[in-house]
């Protein structure tokens, strides 16, 4: 047996208004689901089958229309499982940033250890990498040339070396 909802006159009027002013198929389906349940007395299962949406979406539509006038509505999305706010993260990274701008070489393990100490519980290393990426930190590779290399000597070798290599006879 499908769940029945008590839909008031205000919700029906809002749904009709939404139906008339809808600019997308999603808004139209939302309004129509409430109208079908209230005016025709259809069950949520039947309405979901008629509109091609899930049963849960029918009840979400009703909830959206009920809370339409509520301005402080919490929307889906955002950081749900954060350990620190973005400001606290920025404050945590400030000393490390100062060290990096002074020319110091930073590696992730010391930052991770400081993060674990600050939080008071163990977190995976990926949390630290995501924290650094969130604040625009990136990996900087060192130069790929040997410290004892001589560019002039290398250019001279390229100019004077034989074009085709032959094995020693």
N, C-alpha and C. Protein backbone atom coordinates (compact mmCIF):
# COMPACT_ATOMS: atom_id res chain seq x y z
N UNK A 1 0.86 -1.18 0.00
CA UNK A 1 0.00 0.00 0.00
C UNK A 1 0.90 1.24 0.00
N UNK A 2 0.61 2.16 -0.85
CA UNK A 2 1.39 3.36 -0.99
C UNK A 2 1.06 4.35 0.12
N UNK A 3 2.05 5.15 0.46
CA UNK A 3 1.87 6.15 1.49
C UNK A 3 0.97 7.27 0.98
N UNK A 4 0.02 7.70 1.79
CA UNK A 4 -0.90 8.78 1.43
C UNK A 4 -0.46 10.05 2.15
N UNK A 5 -0.62 11.17 1.48
CA UNK A 5 -0.26 12.45 2.07
C UNK A 5 -1.48 13.34 2.19
N UNK A 6 -1.49 14.13 3.22
CA UNK A 6 -2.53 15.13 3.37
C UNK A 6 -2.04 16.40 2.70
N UNK A 7 -2.71 16.79 1.65
CA UNK A 7 -2.31 17.96 0.89
C UNK A 7 -3.37 19.03 1.09
N UNK A 8 -2.91 20.17 1.60
CA UNK A 8 -3.85 21.26 1.88
C UNK A 8 -4.16 22.08 0.65
N UNK A 9 -5.12 23.00 0.81
CA UNK A 9 -5.55 23.85 -0.29
C UNK A 9 -4.43 24.80 -0.73
N UNK A 10 -3.62 25.24 0.24
CA UNK A 10 -2.51 26.14 -0.09
C UNK A 10 -1.51 25.45 -1.02
N UNK A 11 -1.20 24.18 -0.71
CA UNK A 11 -0.26 23.43 -1.55
C UNK A 11 -0.82 23.21 -2.96
N UNK A 12 -2.14 22.96 -3.04
CA UNK A 12 -2.77 22.76 -4.35
C UNK A 12 -2.69 24.05 -5.16
N UNK A 13 -2.95 25.20 -4.53
CA UNK A 13 -2.88 26.48 -5.23
C UNK A 13 -1.46 26.78 -5.68
N UNK A 14 -0.49 26.51 -4.82
CA UNK A 14 0.92 26.72 -5.19
C UNK A 14 1.30 25.82 -6.36
N UNK A 15 0.83 24.58 -6.33
CA UNK A 15 1.14 23.64 -7.41
C UNK A 15 0.52 24.11 -8.72
N UNK A 16 -0.71 24.61 -8.69
CA UNK A 16 -1.36 25.11 -9.91
C UNK A 16 -0.63 26.34 -10.44
N UNK A 17 -0.22 27.20 -9.52
CA UNK A 17 0.52 28.39 -9.91
C UNK A 17 1.87 27.99 -10.53
N UNK A 18 2.53 27.01 -9.91
CA UNK A 18 3.81 26.54 -10.43
C UNK A 18 3.62 25.89 -11.80
N UNK A 19 2.53 25.15 -11.98
CA UNK A 19 2.24 24.51 -13.26
C UNK A 19 2.08 25.56 -14.36
N UNK A 20 1.36 26.64 -14.05
CA UNK A 20 1.10 27.67 -15.05
C UNK A 20 2.35 28.49 -15.38
N UNK A 21 3.26 28.64 -14.42
CA UNK A 21 4.44 29.47 -14.61
C UNK A 21 5.71 28.66 -14.87
N UNK A 22 5.60 27.36 -15.02
CA UNK A 22 6.79 26.52 -15.16
C UNK A 22 7.52 26.81 -16.46
N UNK A 23 8.83 26.78 -16.37
CA UNK A 23 9.68 27.02 -17.54
C UNK A 23 10.47 25.77 -17.92
N UNK A 24 10.38 24.75 -17.12
CA UNK A 24 11.10 23.51 -17.43
C UNK A 24 10.20 22.31 -17.14
N UNK A 25 10.57 21.20 -17.72
CA UNK A 25 9.78 19.98 -17.51
C UNK A 25 9.86 19.51 -16.06
N UNK A 26 10.98 19.78 -15.40
CA UNK A 26 11.13 19.39 -14.00
C UNK A 26 10.12 20.11 -13.12
N UNK A 27 9.98 21.41 -13.32
CA UNK A 27 9.02 22.18 -12.54
C UNK A 27 7.59 21.72 -12.85
N UNK A 28 7.34 21.45 -14.11
CA UNK A 28 6.00 21.01 -14.51
C UNK A 28 5.65 19.67 -13.87
N UNK A 29 6.59 18.72 -13.87
CA UNK A 29 6.35 17.42 -13.25
C UNK A 29 6.14 17.55 -11.75
N UNK A 30 6.92 18.45 -11.15
CA UNK A 30 6.79 18.67 -9.72
C UNK A 30 5.37 19.12 -9.37
N UNK A 31 4.89 20.10 -10.11
CA UNK A 31 3.55 20.62 -9.86
C UNK A 31 2.50 19.58 -10.19
N UNK A 32 2.67 18.88 -11.29
CA UNK A 32 1.69 17.89 -11.72
C UNK A 32 1.59 16.73 -10.74
N UNK A 33 2.71 16.35 -10.14
CA UNK A 33 2.67 15.24 -9.18
C UNK A 33 1.79 15.58 -7.99
N UNK A 34 1.87 16.81 -7.51
CA UNK A 34 1.05 17.23 -6.37
C UNK A 34 -0.42 17.32 -6.79
N UNK A 35 -0.67 17.86 -7.98
CA UNK A 35 -2.05 18.00 -8.46
C UNK A 35 -2.70 16.63 -8.64
N UNK A 36 -1.98 15.69 -9.22
CA UNK A 36 -2.53 14.36 -9.44
C UNK A 36 -2.85 13.64 -8.13
N UNK A 37 -1.95 13.81 -7.15
CA UNK A 37 -2.19 13.16 -5.86
C UNK A 37 -3.37 13.79 -5.13
N UNK A 38 -3.50 15.11 -5.23
CA UNK A 38 -4.55 15.77 -4.46
C UNK A 38 -5.91 15.75 -5.16
N UNK A 39 -5.94 16.12 -6.44
CA UNK A 39 -7.21 16.26 -7.15
C UNK A 39 -7.81 14.92 -7.55
N UNK A 40 -6.98 14.01 -8.06
CA UNK A 40 -7.50 12.73 -8.53
C UNK A 40 -7.40 11.63 -7.48
N UNK A 41 -6.69 11.90 -6.40
CA UNK A 41 -6.56 10.92 -5.33
C UNK A 41 -5.69 9.72 -5.72
N UNK A 42 -4.77 9.93 -6.65
CA UNK A 42 -3.91 8.83 -7.07
C UNK A 42 -2.83 8.57 -6.02
N UNK A 43 -2.34 7.36 -5.97
CA UNK A 43 -1.27 7.01 -5.03
C UNK A 43 0.06 7.48 -5.59
N UNK A 44 1.04 7.56 -4.73
CA UNK A 44 2.37 8.00 -5.14
C UNK A 44 2.98 7.03 -6.14
N UNK A 45 2.70 5.73 -5.98
CA UNK A 45 3.22 4.74 -6.93
C UNK A 45 2.67 4.99 -8.33
N UNK A 46 1.38 5.24 -8.42
CA UNK A 46 0.75 5.46 -9.72
C UNK A 46 1.21 6.78 -10.33
N UNK A 47 1.34 7.81 -9.52
CA UNK A 47 1.80 9.12 -10.01
C UNK A 47 3.23 9.01 -10.52
N UNK A 48 4.07 8.29 -9.79
CA UNK A 48 5.46 8.13 -10.22
C UNK A 48 5.54 7.36 -11.53
N UNK A 49 4.67 6.38 -11.69
CA UNK A 49 4.65 5.61 -12.94
C UNK A 49 4.15 6.47 -14.10
N UNK A 50 3.15 7.29 -13.87
CA UNK A 50 2.61 8.15 -14.92
C UNK A 50 3.60 9.22 -15.37
N UNK A 51 4.32 9.79 -14.42
CA UNK A 51 5.23 10.89 -14.74
C UNK A 51 6.64 10.42 -15.09
N UNK A 52 6.92 9.15 -14.84
CA UNK A 52 8.25 8.63 -15.17
C UNK A 52 9.33 9.08 -14.20
N UNK A 53 8.96 9.24 -12.95
CA UNK A 53 9.92 9.60 -11.90
C UNK A 53 9.83 8.55 -10.80
N UNK A 54 10.75 8.61 -9.88
CA UNK A 54 10.69 7.66 -8.78
C UNK A 54 9.63 8.05 -7.77
N UNK A 55 9.26 7.11 -6.93
CA UNK A 55 8.25 7.35 -5.90
C UNK A 55 8.74 8.41 -4.92
N UNK A 56 10.01 8.34 -4.60
CA UNK A 56 10.59 9.29 -3.67
C UNK A 56 10.55 10.71 -4.23
N UNK A 57 10.72 10.83 -5.55
CA UNK A 57 10.69 12.15 -6.17
C UNK A 57 9.31 12.79 -6.04
N UNK A 58 8.27 11.99 -6.05
CA UNK A 58 6.92 12.52 -5.88
C UNK A 58 6.79 13.18 -4.50
N UNK A 59 7.30 12.52 -3.48
CA UNK A 59 7.22 13.08 -2.13
C UNK A 59 8.17 14.27 -1.95
N UNK A 60 9.32 14.25 -2.65
CA UNK A 60 10.22 15.41 -2.61
C UNK A 60 9.53 16.61 -3.25
N UNK A 61 8.80 16.37 -4.34
CA UNK A 61 8.08 17.46 -5.01
C UNK A 61 7.06 18.08 -4.08
N UNK A 62 6.33 17.25 -3.36
CA UNK A 62 5.36 17.75 -2.39
C UNK A 62 6.06 18.57 -1.31
N UNK A 63 7.19 18.08 -0.83
CA UNK A 63 7.95 18.82 0.18
C UNK A 63 8.46 20.15 -0.35
N UNK A 64 8.89 20.16 -1.62
CA UNK A 64 9.36 21.41 -2.22
C UNK A 64 8.23 22.44 -2.32
N UNK A 65 7.07 21.99 -2.71
CA UNK A 65 5.94 22.92 -2.84
C UNK A 65 5.47 23.39 -1.46
N UNK A 66 5.52 22.52 -0.47
CA UNK A 66 5.13 22.92 0.89
C UNK A 66 6.08 23.98 1.45
N UNK A 67 7.35 23.84 1.19
CA UNK A 67 8.34 24.77 1.76
C UNK A 67 8.77 25.82 0.75
N UNK A 68 7.91 26.12 -0.21
CA UNK A 68 8.25 27.07 -1.26
C UNK A 68 8.45 28.48 -0.73
N UNK A 69 7.69 28.87 0.25
CA UNK A 69 7.80 30.22 0.77
C UNK A 69 8.88 30.36 1.84
N UNK A 70 9.49 29.27 2.24
CA UNK A 70 10.55 29.32 3.24
C UNK A 70 11.84 29.74 2.55
N UNK A 71 12.42 30.85 2.99
CA UNK A 71 13.62 31.36 2.33
C UNK A 71 14.89 30.72 2.86
N UNK A 72 14.92 30.32 4.12
CA UNK A 72 16.12 29.74 4.71
C UNK A 72 16.08 28.22 4.56
N UNK A 73 15.89 27.77 3.34
CA UNK A 73 15.80 26.34 3.07
C UNK A 73 17.19 25.77 2.84
N UNK A 74 17.49 24.67 3.49
CA UNK A 74 18.79 24.04 3.32
C UNK A 74 18.75 23.20 2.05
N UNK A 75 19.60 23.54 1.10
CA UNK A 75 19.65 22.84 -0.16
C UNK A 75 20.66 21.71 -0.11
N UNK A 76 20.48 20.74 -0.97
CA UNK A 76 21.41 19.63 -1.08
C UNK A 76 22.72 20.14 -1.64
N UNK A 77 23.82 19.65 -1.11
CA UNK A 77 25.14 20.06 -1.59
C UNK A 77 25.95 20.64 -0.46
N UNK A 78 27.21 20.81 -0.70
CA UNK A 78 28.09 21.42 0.28
C UNK A 78 28.93 20.40 1.01
N UNK A 79 29.72 20.86 1.94
CA UNK A 79 30.61 20.00 2.70
C UNK A 79 29.89 19.51 3.94
N UNK A 80 29.60 18.23 3.98
CA UNK A 80 28.89 17.66 5.12
C UNK A 80 29.82 17.11 6.19
N UNK A 81 30.94 16.58 5.78
CA UNK A 81 31.81 15.88 6.73
C UNK A 81 33.15 16.59 6.87
N UNK A 82 33.14 17.89 7.01
CA UNK A 82 34.39 18.62 7.12
C UNK A 82 34.86 18.62 8.58
N UNK A 83 36.16 18.56 8.73
CA UNK A 83 36.75 18.59 10.06
C UNK A 83 37.00 20.02 10.53
N UNK A 84 37.31 20.89 9.56
CA UNK A 84 37.55 22.30 9.87
C UNK A 84 36.84 23.14 8.82
N UNK A 85 36.52 24.36 9.19
CA UNK A 85 35.96 25.27 8.20
C UNK A 85 37.07 25.71 7.25
N UNK A 86 36.70 26.34 6.16
CA UNK A 86 37.70 26.79 5.19
C UNK A 86 38.62 27.84 5.82
N UNK A 87 38.09 28.68 6.69
CA UNK A 87 38.91 29.69 7.36
C UNK A 87 39.91 29.03 8.31
N UNK A 88 39.47 28.00 9.03
CA UNK A 88 40.38 27.28 9.92
C UNK A 88 41.47 26.56 9.12
N UNK A 89 41.10 26.02 7.96
CA UNK A 89 42.09 25.37 7.10
C UNK A 89 43.12 26.39 6.63
N UNK A 90 42.65 27.57 6.23
CA UNK A 90 43.56 28.61 5.77
C UNK A 90 44.51 29.02 6.89
N UNK A 91 43.97 29.14 8.10
CA UNK A 91 44.78 29.48 9.27
C UNK A 91 45.81 28.38 9.55
N UNK A 92 45.41 27.13 9.38
CA UNK A 92 46.32 26.00 9.59
C UNK A 92 47.46 26.01 8.57
N UNK A 93 47.18 26.40 7.33
CA UNK A 93 48.19 26.36 6.27
C UNK A 93 49.08 27.60 6.23
N UNK A 94 48.73 28.66 6.96
CA UNK A 94 49.52 29.89 6.92
C UNK A 94 50.99 29.69 7.28
N UNK A 95 51.34 29.01 8.39
CA UNK A 95 52.76 28.84 8.69
C UNK A 95 53.50 28.03 7.62
N UNK A 96 52.79 27.05 7.04
CA UNK A 96 53.43 26.25 5.99
C UNK A 96 53.63 27.09 4.73
N UNK A 97 52.70 27.98 4.47
CA UNK A 97 52.83 28.84 3.30
C UNK A 97 54.00 29.80 3.46
N UNK A 98 54.16 30.32 4.65
CA UNK A 98 55.30 31.20 4.91
C UNK A 98 56.61 30.46 4.71
N UNK A 99 56.66 29.22 5.14
CA UNK A 99 57.86 28.41 4.97
C UNK A 99 58.13 28.14 3.49
N UNK A 100 57.07 27.91 2.72
CA UNK A 100 57.22 27.62 1.29
C UNK A 100 57.65 28.87 0.52
N UNK A 101 57.11 30.03 0.87
CA UNK A 101 57.48 31.25 0.15
C UNK A 101 58.90 31.68 0.48
N UNK A 102 59.42 31.25 1.61
CA UNK A 102 60.80 31.57 1.97
C UNK A 102 61.79 30.67 1.24
N UNK A 103 61.28 29.76 0.40
CA UNK A 103 62.16 28.91 -0.39
C UNK A 103 62.38 27.54 0.20
N UNK A 104 61.66 27.21 1.25
CA UNK A 104 61.82 25.89 1.86
C UNK A 104 61.13 24.81 1.04
N UNK A 105 61.64 23.62 1.17
CA UNK A 105 61.05 22.49 0.48
C UNK A 105 60.06 21.83 1.42
N UNK A 106 58.81 21.71 0.96
CA UNK A 106 57.77 21.10 1.77
C UNK A 106 57.41 19.73 1.23
N UNK A 107 57.17 18.82 2.14
CA UNK A 107 56.64 17.52 1.76
C UNK A 107 55.34 17.32 2.53
N UNK A 108 54.51 16.43 2.05
CA UNK A 108 53.19 16.24 2.63
C UNK A 108 53.23 15.56 4.01
N UNK A 109 54.10 14.57 4.25
CA UNK A 109 54.05 13.90 5.56
C UNK A 109 54.14 14.80 6.79
N UNK A 110 55.02 15.82 6.83
CA UNK A 110 54.98 16.69 8.02
C UNK A 110 53.68 17.50 8.15
N UNK A 111 53.13 17.91 7.01
CA UNK A 111 51.87 18.64 7.05
C UNK A 111 50.76 17.72 7.54
N UNK A 112 50.79 16.46 7.07
CA UNK A 112 49.80 15.48 7.49
C UNK A 112 49.90 15.22 8.99
N UNK A 113 51.12 15.08 9.50
CA UNK A 113 51.31 14.84 10.94
C UNK A 113 50.78 16.02 11.76
N UNK A 114 51.02 17.24 11.28
CA UNK A 114 50.50 18.43 11.98
C UNK A 114 48.98 18.48 11.92
N UNK A 115 48.41 18.05 10.81
CA UNK A 115 46.95 18.03 10.68
C UNK A 115 46.34 17.02 11.64
N UNK A 116 46.94 15.84 11.73
CA UNK A 116 46.44 14.81 12.66
C UNK A 116 46.53 15.32 14.10
N UNK A 117 47.63 15.99 14.41
CA UNK A 117 47.81 16.55 15.76
C UNK A 117 46.77 17.63 16.04
N UNK A 118 46.50 18.46 15.05
CA UNK A 118 45.53 19.55 15.22
C UNK A 118 44.12 19.00 15.41
N UNK A 119 43.75 17.96 14.61
CA UNK A 119 42.41 17.41 14.69
C UNK A 119 42.22 16.53 15.92
N UNK A 120 43.28 15.85 16.33
CA UNK A 120 43.17 14.97 17.49
C UNK A 120 42.75 13.56 17.15
N UNK A 121 42.65 13.24 15.88
CA UNK A 121 42.33 11.87 15.46
C UNK A 121 42.97 11.62 14.09
N UNK A 122 43.14 10.36 13.78
CA UNK A 122 43.82 9.98 12.54
C UNK A 122 42.91 10.22 11.34
N UNK A 123 43.51 10.75 10.29
CA UNK A 123 42.81 10.92 9.01
C UNK A 123 43.69 10.33 7.92
N UNK A 124 43.10 9.90 6.82
CA UNK A 124 43.92 9.35 5.74
C UNK A 124 44.78 10.43 5.08
N UNK A 125 45.84 9.99 4.44
CA UNK A 125 46.73 10.92 3.76
C UNK A 125 46.00 11.67 2.64
N UNK A 126 45.00 11.02 2.05
CA UNK A 126 44.25 11.68 0.97
C UNK A 126 43.53 12.93 1.47
N UNK A 127 43.17 12.97 2.73
CA UNK A 127 42.52 14.15 3.30
C UNK A 127 43.47 15.35 3.23
N UNK A 128 44.73 15.10 3.52
CA UNK A 128 45.73 16.17 3.47
C UNK A 128 45.93 16.63 2.03
N UNK A 129 46.00 15.69 1.10
CA UNK A 129 46.16 16.06 -0.30
C UNK A 129 44.96 16.88 -0.79
N UNK A 130 43.76 16.49 -0.39
CA UNK A 130 42.57 17.23 -0.80
C UNK A 130 42.55 18.63 -0.16
N UNK A 131 43.00 18.73 1.08
CA UNK A 131 43.10 20.02 1.77
C UNK A 131 44.03 20.95 1.01
N UNK A 132 45.19 20.44 0.61
CA UNK A 132 46.15 21.25 -0.11
C UNK A 132 45.61 21.65 -1.48
N UNK A 133 44.95 20.73 -2.17
CA UNK A 133 44.38 21.03 -3.49
C UNK A 133 43.26 22.06 -3.37
N UNK A 134 42.48 21.99 -2.31
CA UNK A 134 41.37 22.92 -2.10
C UNK A 134 41.88 24.35 -1.97
N UNK A 135 43.09 24.52 -1.46
CA UNK A 135 43.64 25.85 -1.26
C UNK A 135 44.64 26.23 -2.34
N UNK A 136 44.65 25.47 -3.43
CA UNK A 136 45.45 25.85 -4.59
C UNK A 136 46.91 25.45 -4.52
N UNK A 137 47.27 24.58 -3.62
CA UNK A 137 48.65 24.12 -3.55
C UNK A 137 48.86 23.09 -4.64
N UNK A 138 50.04 23.05 -5.19
CA UNK A 138 50.34 22.07 -6.22
C UNK A 138 51.77 21.59 -6.08
N UNK A 139 52.05 20.48 -6.71
CA UNK A 139 53.38 19.89 -6.66
C UNK A 139 54.27 20.62 -7.66
N UNK A 140 55.42 21.06 -7.19
CA UNK A 140 56.37 21.73 -8.06
C UNK A 140 57.57 20.81 -8.22
N UNK A 141 57.86 20.45 -9.45
CA UNK A 141 58.97 19.55 -9.73
C UNK A 141 60.28 20.35 -9.73
N UNK A 142 61.37 19.74 -9.26
CA UNK A 142 62.66 20.42 -9.36
C UNK A 142 63.12 20.41 -10.82
N UNK A 143 64.15 21.20 -11.12
CA UNK A 143 64.70 21.21 -12.47
C UNK A 143 65.22 19.83 -12.82
N UNK A 144 65.12 19.49 -14.10
CA UNK A 144 65.50 18.13 -14.52
C UNK A 144 66.91 18.07 -15.08
N UNK A 145 67.71 19.09 -14.85
CA UNK A 145 69.10 19.04 -15.33
C UNK A 145 70.04 18.69 -14.19
N UNK A 146 71.12 18.08 -14.53
CA UNK A 146 72.13 17.69 -13.54
C UNK A 146 72.86 18.94 -13.05
N UNK A 147 73.20 19.01 -11.76
CA UNK A 147 73.85 20.22 -11.25
C UNK A 147 75.24 20.47 -11.85
N UNK A 148 75.91 19.42 -12.29
CA UNK A 148 77.26 19.59 -12.85
C UNK A 148 77.24 19.66 -14.38
N UNK A 149 76.07 19.82 -14.98
CA UNK A 149 76.01 19.85 -16.44
C UNK A 149 76.54 21.18 -16.97
N UNK A 150 77.12 21.13 -18.18
CA UNK A 150 77.66 22.31 -18.83
C UNK A 150 76.96 22.46 -20.18
N UNK A 151 76.06 23.42 -20.34
CA UNK A 151 75.30 23.55 -21.58
C UNK A 151 76.18 23.80 -22.81
N UNK A 152 77.27 24.56 -22.65
CA UNK A 152 78.15 24.85 -23.79
C UNK A 152 78.83 23.57 -24.28
N UNK A 153 79.27 22.76 -23.35
CA UNK A 153 79.92 21.50 -23.71
C UNK A 153 78.93 20.55 -24.38
N UNK A 154 77.69 20.56 -23.92
CA UNK A 154 76.66 19.70 -24.53
C UNK A 154 76.36 20.14 -25.96
N UNK A 155 76.26 21.48 -26.18
CA UNK A 155 76.01 21.98 -27.54
C UNK A 155 77.15 21.62 -28.48
N UNK A 156 78.38 21.75 -28.00
CA UNK A 156 79.54 21.41 -28.83
C UNK A 156 79.54 19.92 -29.17
N UNK A 157 79.16 19.08 -28.23
CA UNK A 157 79.10 17.64 -28.49
C UNK A 157 78.04 17.33 -29.55
N UNK A 158 76.90 18.01 -29.46
CA UNK A 158 75.84 17.78 -30.45
C UNK A 158 76.29 18.18 -31.86
N UNK A 159 77.07 19.28 -31.97
CA UNK A 159 77.50 19.75 -33.28
C UNK A 159 78.58 18.84 -33.88
N UNK A 160 79.47 18.32 -33.06
CA UNK A 160 80.62 17.58 -33.56
C UNK A 160 80.46 16.07 -33.51
N UNK A 161 79.38 15.57 -33.01
CA UNK A 161 79.22 14.12 -32.92
C UNK A 161 78.80 13.57 -34.28
N UNK A 162 79.19 12.33 -34.60
CA UNK A 162 78.79 11.77 -35.90
C UNK A 162 77.28 11.58 -35.96
N UNK A 163 76.74 11.74 -37.17
CA UNK A 163 75.30 11.67 -37.33
C UNK A 163 74.76 10.24 -37.19
N UNK A 164 75.61 9.28 -37.54
CA UNK A 164 75.18 7.88 -37.48
C UNK A 164 76.14 7.14 -36.54
N UNK A 165 75.57 6.43 -35.61
CA UNK A 165 76.40 5.71 -34.65
C UNK A 165 76.77 4.35 -35.22
N UNK A 166 78.02 4.00 -35.12
CA UNK A 166 78.50 2.67 -35.54
C UNK A 166 79.14 1.99 -34.34
N UNK A 167 78.90 0.72 -34.18
CA UNK A 167 79.53 0.02 -33.05
C UNK A 167 81.05 -0.02 -33.25
N UNK A 168 81.80 -0.03 -32.14
CA UNK A 168 83.27 -0.08 -32.28
C UNK A 168 83.69 -1.38 -32.97
N UNK A 169 84.72 -1.25 -33.86
CA UNK A 169 85.17 -2.43 -34.61
C UNK A 169 86.29 -3.16 -33.93
